[in-house]
Amino acid sequence: MPEHRGHGHGRALWRAAMAWGAAHGADYQLLQTEIGGASDRLCQAEGLRSLGFVSVTKL
């Protein structure tokens, strides 16, 4: 939610998830974001790169 952005909560959760995966032997972690959204900007700021995108159409 917009009023909770900018306080570091998402970054702390993201880093905790990455640490948990590393500690439990994950070879990779797959993240899904909305292109240009808050989570996408966070991932870019953390040095991640896009592997592409998928477009979904509702029927």
PDB file of N, CA and C in Angstrom:
ATOM      1  N   MET A   1       0.848  -1.171   0.000  1.00  0.00           N
ATOM      2  CA  MET A   1       0.000   0.000   0.000  1.00  0.00           C
ATOM      3  C   MET A   1       0.899   1.242   0.000  1.00  0.00           C
ATOM      4  N   PRO A   2       0.510   2.230  -0.758  1.00  0.00           N
ATOM      5  CA  PRO A   2       1.367   3.412  -0.911  1.00  0.00           C
ATOM      6  C   PRO A   2       1.803   4.066   0.399  1.00  0.00           C
ATOM      7  N   GLU A   3       0.935   4.094   1.379  1.00  0.00           N
ATOM      8  CA  GLU A   3       1.304   4.775   2.635  1.00  0.00           C
ATOM      9  C   GLU A   3       2.381   4.029   3.422  1.00  0.00           C
ATOM     10  N   HIS A   4       2.640   2.777   3.055  1.00  0.00           N
ATOM     11  CA  HIS A   4       3.661   1.994   3.741  1.00  0.00           C
ATOM     12  C   HIS A   4       4.973   1.934   2.962  1.00  0.00           C
ATOM     13  N   ARG A   5       5.004   2.553   1.794  1.00  0.00           N
ATOM     14  CA  ARG A   5       6.220   2.557   0.981  1.00  0.00           C
ATOM     15  C   ARG A   5       7.218   3.557   1.529  1.00  0.00           C
ATOM     16  N   GLY A   6       8.484   3.258   1.276  1.00  0.00           N
ATOM     17  CA  GLY A   6       9.536   4.191   1.660  1.00  0.00           C
ATOM     18  C   GLY A   6      10.026   4.041   3.084  1.00  0.00           C
ATOM     19  N   HIS A   7       9.567   3.000   3.785  1.00  0.00           N
ATOM     20  CA  HIS A   7       9.986   2.792   5.172  1.00  0.00           C
ATOM     21  C   HIS A   7      10.967   1.627   5.312  1.00  0.00           C
ATOM     22  N   GLY A   8      11.270   0.952   4.200  1.00  0.00           N
ATOM     23  CA  GLY A   8      12.226  -0.142   4.224  1.00  0.00           C
ATOM     24  C   GLY A   8      11.641  -1.505   4.540  1.00  0.00           C
ATOM     25  N   HIS A   9      10.319  -1.594   4.675  1.00  0.00           N
ATOM     26  CA  HIS A   9       9.689  -2.877   5.014  1.00  0.00           C
ATOM     27  C   HIS A   9       9.870  -3.908   3.900  1.00  0.00           C
ATOM     28  N   GLY A  10       9.611  -3.503   2.665  1.00  0.00           N
ATOM     29  CA  GLY A  10       9.752  -4.416   1.530  1.00  0.00           C
ATOM     30  C   GLY A  10      11.185  -4.883   1.356  1.00  0.00           C
ATOM     31  N   ARG A  11      12.115  -3.967   1.506  1.00  0.00           N
ATOM     32  CA  ARG A  11      13.531  -4.308   1.375  1.00  0.00           C
ATOM     33  C   ARG A  11      13.951  -5.293   2.464  1.00  0.00           C
ATOM     34  N   ALA A  12      13.488  -5.072   3.684  1.00  0.00           N
ATOM     35  CA  ALA A  12      13.816  -5.984   4.788  1.00  0.00           C
ATOM     36  C   ALA A  12      13.235  -7.374   4.532  1.00  0.00           C
ATOM     37  N   LEU A  13      11.996  -7.439   4.056  1.00  0.00           N
ATOM     38  CA  LEU A  13      11.381  -8.725   3.731  1.00  0.00           C
ATOM     39  C   LEU A  13      12.113  -9.416   2.591  1.00  0.00           C
ATOM     40  N   TRP A  14      12.466  -8.651   1.561  1.00  0.00           N
ATOM     41  CA  TRP A  14      13.175  -9.214   0.418  1.00  0.00           C
ATOM     42  C   TRP A  14      14.514  -9.783   0.854  1.00  0.00           C
ATOM     43  N   ARG A  15      15.271  -9.026   1.619  1.00  0.00           N
ATOM     44  CA  ARG A  15      16.576  -9.499   2.083  1.00  0.00           C
ATOM     45  C   ARG A  15      16.448 -10.713   2.995  1.00  0.00           C
ATOM     46  N   ALA A  16      15.431 -10.747   3.836  1.00  0.00           N
ATOM     47  CA  ALA A  16      15.219 -11.914   4.707  1.00  0.00           C
ATOM     48  C   ALA A  16      14.889 -13.148   3.869  1.00  0.00           C
ATOM     49  N   ALA A  17      14.083 -12.989   2.834  1.00  0.00           N
ATOM     50  CA  ALA A  17      13.747 -14.113   1.955  1.00  0.00           C
ATOM     51  C   ALA A  17      14.982 -14.614   1.212  1.00  0.00           C
ATOM     52  N   MET A  18      15.821 -13.711   0.739  1.00  0.00           N
ATOM     53  CA  MET A  18      17.042 -14.104   0.038  1.00  0.00           C
ATOM     54  C   MET A  18      17.990 -14.841   0.990  1.00  0.00           C
ATOM     55  N   ALA A  19      18.106 -14.351   2.214  1.00  0.00           N
ATOM     56  CA  ALA A  19      18.972 -14.993   3.210  1.00  0.00           C
ATOM     57  C   ALA A  19      18.441 -16.381   3.571  1.00  0.00           C
ATOM     58  N   TRP A  20      17.128 -16.502   3.719  1.00  0.00           N
ATOM     59  CA  TRP A  20      16.525 -17.793   4.050  1.00  0.00           C
ATOM     60  C   TRP A  20      16.803 -18.795   2.931  1.00  0.00           C
ATOM     61  N   GLY A  21      16.607 -18.364   1.691  1.00  0.00           N
ATOM     62  CA  GLY A  21      16.860 -19.250   0.556  1.00  0.00           C
ATOM     63  C   GLY A  21      18.309 -19.696   0.501  1.00  0.00           C
ATOM     64  N   ALA A  22      19.228 -18.769   0.696  1.00  0.00           N
ATOM     65  CA  ALA A  22      20.652 -19.107   0.677  1.00  0.00           C
ATOM     66  C   ALA A  22      20.998 -20.072   1.803  1.00  0.00           C
ATOM     67  N   ALA A  23      20.448 -19.836   2.975  1.00  0.00           N
ATOM     68  CA  ALA A  23      20.731 -20.688   4.131  1.00  0.00           C
ATOM     69  C   ALA A  23      20.158 -22.091   3.968  1.00  0.00           C
ATOM     70  N   HIS A  24      19.143 -22.228   3.122  1.00  0.00           N
ATOM     71  CA  HIS A  24      18.501 -23.519   2.926  1.00  0.00           C
ATOM     72  C   HIS A  24      18.852 -24.155   1.582  1.00  0.00           C
ATOM     73  N   GLY A  25      19.930 -23.682   0.968  1.00  0.00           N
ATOM     74  CA  GLY A  25      20.476 -24.324  -0.220  1.00  0.00           C
ATOM     75  C   GLY A  25      19.783 -24.045  -1.533  1.00  0.00           C
ATOM     76  N   ALA A  26      19.028 -22.970  -1.628  1.00  0.00           N
ATOM     77  CA  ALA A  26      18.358 -22.648  -2.897  1.00  0.00           C
ATOM     78  C   ALA A  26      19.402 -22.319  -3.964  1.00  0.00           C
ATOM     79  N   ASP A  27      19.253 -22.909  -5.139  1.00  0.00           N
ATOM     80  CA  ASP A  27      20.146 -22.608  -6.254  1.00  0.00           C
ATOM     81  C   ASP A  27      19.760 -21.301  -6.938  1.00  0.00           C
ATOM     82  N   TYR A  28      18.482 -20.973  -6.888  1.00  0.00           N
ATOM     83  CA  TYR A  28      18.002 -19.720  -7.461  1.00  0.00           C
ATOM     84  C   TYR A  28      16.678 -19.366  -6.804  1.00  0.00           C
ATOM     85  N   GLN A  29      16.281 -18.117  -6.969  1.00  0.00           N
ATOM     86  CA  GLN A  29      14.986 -17.678  -6.477  1.00  0.00           C
ATOM     87  C   GLN A  29      14.312 -16.900  -7.596  1.00  0.00           C
ATOM     88  N   LEU A  30      13.060 -17.186  -7.820  1.00  0.00           N
ATOM     89  CA  LEU A  30      12.295 -16.567  -8.890  1.00  0.00           C
ATOM     90  C   LEU A  30      11.345 -15.541  -8.285  1.00  0.00           C
ATOM     91  N   LEU A  31      11.412 -14.331  -8.789  1.00  0.00           N
ATOM     92  CA  LEU A  31      10.548 -13.263  -8.290  1.00  0.00           C
ATOM     93  C   LEU A  31       9.638 -12.784  -9.412  1.00  0.00           C
ATOM     94  N   GLN A  32       8.443 -12.425  -9.048  1.00  0.00           N
ATOM     95  CA  GLN A  32       7.478 -11.899 -10.010  1.00  0.00           C
ATOM     96  C   GLN A  32       7.131 -10.490  -9.589  1.00  0.00           C
ATOM     97  N   THR A  33       7.262  -9.543 -10.519  1.00  0.00           N
ATOM     98  CA  THR A  33       6.926  -8.155 -10.220  1.00  0.00           C
ATOM     99  C   THR A  33       6.086  -7.580 -11.357  1.00  0.00           C
ATOM    100  N   GLU A  34       5.459  -6.473 -11.064  1.00  0.00           N
ATOM    101  CA  GLU A  34       4.778  -5.713 -12.107  1.00  0.00           C
ATOM    102  C   GLU A  34       5.809  -4.763 -12.701  1.00  0.00           C
ATOM    103  N   ILE A  35       5.980  -4.797 -14.019  1.00  0.00           N
ATOM    104  CA  ILE A  35       6.984  -3.963 -14.665  1.00  0.00           C
ATOM    105  C   ILE A  35       6.748  -2.502 -14.301  1.00  0.00           C
ATOM    106  N   GLY A  36       7.783  -1.880 -13.753  1.00  0.00           N
ATOM    107  CA  GLY A  36       7.702  -0.472 -13.361  1.00  0.00           C
ATOM    108  C   GLY A  36       7.041  -0.242 -12.019  1.00  0.00           C
ATOM    109  N   GLY A  37       6.562  -1.311 -11.382  1.00  0.00           N
ATOM    110  CA  GLY A  37       5.902  -1.177 -10.083  1.00  0.00           C
ATOM    111  C   GLY A  37       6.911  -1.052  -8.946  1.00  0.00           C
ATOM    112  N   ALA A  38       6.395  -0.886  -7.749  1.00  0.00           N
ATOM    113  CA  ALA A  38       7.253  -0.708  -6.572  1.00  0.00           C
ATOM    114  C   ALA A  38       8.186  -1.894  -6.367  1.00  0.00           C
ATOM    115  N   SER A  39       7.669  -3.127  -6.520  1.00  0.00           N
ATOM    116  CA  SER A  39       8.514  -4.299  -6.317  1.00  0.00           C
ATOM    117  C   SER A  39       9.569  -4.413  -7.416  1.00  0.00           C
ATOM    118  N   ASP A  40       9.235  -4.010  -8.628  1.00  0.00           N
ATOM    119  CA  ASP A  40      10.194  -4.020  -9.731  1.00  0.00           C
ATOM    120  C   ASP A  40      11.325  -3.035  -9.452  1.00  0.00           C
ATOM    121  N   ARG A  41      10.990  -1.848  -8.979  1.00  0.00           N
ATOM    122  CA  ARG A  41      12.005  -0.848  -8.648  1.00  0.00           C
ATOM    123  C   ARG A  41      12.895  -1.322  -7.505  1.00  0.00           C
ATOM    124  N   LEU A  42      12.311  -1.992  -6.520  1.00  0.00           N
ATOM    125  CA  LEU A  42      13.086  -2.537  -5.408  1.00  0.00           C
ATOM    126  C   LEU A  42      14.087  -3.567  -5.916  1.00  0.00           C
ATOM    127  N   CYS A  43      13.628  -4.485  -6.753  1.00  0.00           N
ATOM    128  CA  CYS A  43      14.516  -5.522  -7.294  1.00  0.00           C
ATOM    129  C   CYS A  43      15.652  -4.904  -8.104  1.00  0.00           C
ATOM    130  N   GLN A  44      15.345  -3.920  -8.919  1.00  0.00           N
ATOM    131  CA  GLN A  44      16.385  -3.244  -9.697  1.00  0.00           C
ATOM    132  C   GLN A  44      17.386  -2.563  -8.774  1.00  0.00           C
ATOM    133  N   ALA A  45      16.894  -1.927  -7.717  1.00  0.00           N
ATOM    134  CA  ALA A  45      17.780  -1.248  -6.762  1.00  0.00           C
ATOM    135  C   ALA A  45      18.686  -2.241  -6.036  1.00  0.00           C
ATOM    136  N   GLU A  46      18.236  -3.488  -5.912  1.00  0.00           N
ATOM    137  CA  GLU A  46      19.028  -4.530  -5.261  1.00  0.00           C
ATOM    138  C   GLU A  46      19.959  -5.246  -6.243  1.00  0.00           C
ATOM    139  N   GLY A  47      19.991  -4.772  -7.492  1.00  0.00           N
ATOM    140  CA  GLY A  47      20.928  -5.300  -8.467  1.00  0.00           C
ATOM    141  C   GLY A  47      20.427  -6.471  -9.292  1.00  0.00           C
ATOM    142  N   LEU A  48      19.140  -6.784  -9.192  1.00  0.00           N
ATOM    143  CA  LEU A  48      18.583  -7.875  -9.996  1.00  0.00           C
ATOM    144  C   LEU A  48      18.325  -7.392 -11.413  1.00  0.00           C
ATOM    145  N   ARG A  49      18.299  -8.322 -12.337  1.00  0.00           N
ATOM    146  CA  ARG A  49      17.997  -7.974 -13.721  1.00  0.00           C
ATOM    147  C   ARG A  49      16.819  -8.806 -14.198  1.00  0.00           C
ATOM    148  N   SER A  50      16.123  -8.278 -15.158  1.00  0.00           N
ATOM    149  CA  SER A  50      14.951  -8.954 -15.696  1.00  0.00           C
ATOM    150  C   SER A  50      15.371 -10.091 -16.617  1.00  0.00           C
ATOM    151  N   LEU A  51      14.634 -11.181 -16.543  1.00  0.00           N
ATOM    152  CA  LEU A  51      14.839 -12.299 -17.461  1.00  0.00           C
ATOM    153  C   LEU A  51      13.781 -12.283 -18.557  1.00  0.00           C
ATOM    154  N   GLY A  52      12.964 -11.251 -18.587  1.00  0.00           N
ATOM    155  CA  GLY A  52      11.901 -11.139 -19.569  1.00  0.00           C
ATOM    156  C   GLY A  52      10.571 -10.934 -18.892  1.00  0.00           C
ATOM    157  N   PHE A  53       9.510 -11.045 -19.653  1.00  0.00           N
ATOM    158  CA  PHE A  53       8.186 -10.855 -19.069  1.00  0.00           C
ATOM    159  C   PHE A  53       7.162 -11.725 -19.776  1.00  0.00           C
ATOM    160  N   VAL A  54       6.074 -11.917 -19.108  1.00  0.00           N
ATOM    161  CA  VAL A  54       4.954 -12.683 -19.646  1.00  0.00           C
ATOM    162  C   VAL A  54       3.730 -11.796 -19.574  1.00  0.00           C
ATOM    163  N   SER A  55       2.963 -11.773 -20.624  1.00  0.00           N
ATOM    164  CA  SER A  55       1.727 -11.015 -20.647  1.00  0.00           C
ATOM    165  C   SER A  55       0.559 -11.978 -20.436  1.00  0.00           C
ATOM    166  N   VAL A  56      -0.327 -11.642 -19.520  1.00  0.00           N
ATOM    167  CA  VAL A  56      -1.479 -12.477 -19.239  1.00  0.00           C
ATOM    168  C   VAL A  56      -2.737 -11.720 -19.645  1.00  0.00           C
ATOM    169  N   THR A  57      -3.606 -12.398 -20.376  1.00  0.00           N
ATOM    170  CA  THR A  57      -4.864 -11.800 -20.803  1.00  0.00           C
ATOM    171  C   THR A  57      -6.005 -12.555 -20.156  1.00  0.00           C
ATOM    172  N   LYS A  58      -6.904 -11.828 -19.531  1.00  0.00           N
ATOM    173  CA  LYS A  58      -8.087 -12.455 -18.929  1.00  0.00           C
ATOM    174  C   LYS A  58      -9.094 -12.735 -20.030  1.00  0.00           C
ATOM    175  N   LEU A  59      -9.712 -13.894 -19.946  1.00  0.00           N
ATOM    176  CA  LEU A  59     -10.718 -14.257 -20.948  1.00  0.00           C
ATOM    177  C   LEU A  59     -12.080 -13.760 -20.571  1.00  0.00           C
TER     178      LEU A  59
END
